[in-house]
Amino acid sequence: MMSMMNGPMMGVMMAGGGVVLLLVLTLLVLSLMALVKFLRSPR
């Protein structure tokens, strides 16, 4: 059972991790850009 499920489950887990990583990276970049824009704006 475990050996049968190992292949597909590992692929799904890796794909999910990649998607989460991409999402976090996008959020980080967006927040960084917003921060730079906020700091550069004349106050």
Protein backbone atom coordinates (compact mmCIF):
# COMPACT_ATOMS: atom_id res chain seq x y z
CA MET A 1 0.00 0.00 0.00
CA MET A 2 2.66 2.46 1.05
CA SER A 3 4.99 1.66 -1.86
CA MET A 4 2.09 2.02 -4.31
CA MET A 5 1.04 5.40 -2.95
CA ASN A 6 4.61 6.69 -2.58
CA GLY A 7 5.07 7.83 -6.21
CA PRO A 8 1.88 9.85 -6.79
CA MET A 9 1.76 11.22 -3.24
CA MET A 10 5.35 12.47 -3.42
CA GLY A 11 4.59 14.17 -6.75
CA VAL A 12 1.48 15.82 -5.34
CA MET A 13 3.32 16.94 -2.20
CA MET A 14 6.22 18.35 -4.23
CA ALA A 15 3.82 20.15 -6.59
CA GLY A 16 1.90 21.58 -3.61
CA GLY A 17 5.14 22.72 -1.98
CA GLY A 18 6.23 24.39 -5.23
CA VAL A 19 2.91 26.21 -5.54
CA VAL A 20 3.08 27.39 -1.91
CA LEU A 21 6.69 28.50 -2.38
CA LEU A 22 5.74 30.42 -5.53
CA LEU A 23 2.81 32.05 -3.71
CA VAL A 24 5.00 33.11 -0.77
CA LEU A 25 7.68 34.43 -3.12
CA THR A 26 5.10 36.46 -5.07
CA LEU A 27 3.67 37.88 -1.83
CA LEU A 28 7.16 38.78 -0.63
CA VAL A 29 8.05 40.57 -3.88
CA LEU A 30 4.72 42.44 -3.94
CA SER A 31 5.09 43.59 -0.34
CA LEU A 32 8.69 44.63 -1.02
CA MET A 33 7.63 46.68 -4.05
CA ALA A 34 4.83 48.29 -2.04
CA LEU A 35 7.30 49.15 0.74
CA VAL A 36 9.76 50.72 -1.73
CA LYS A 37 6.96 52.72 -3.35
CA PHE A 38 5.76 53.84 0.09
CA LEU A 39 9.27 54.89 1.18
CA ARG A 40 10.00 56.73 -2.08
CA SER A 41 6.75 58.72 -1.99
CA PRO A 42 7.36 62.28 -0.74
CA ARG A 43 6.00 62.82 2.76
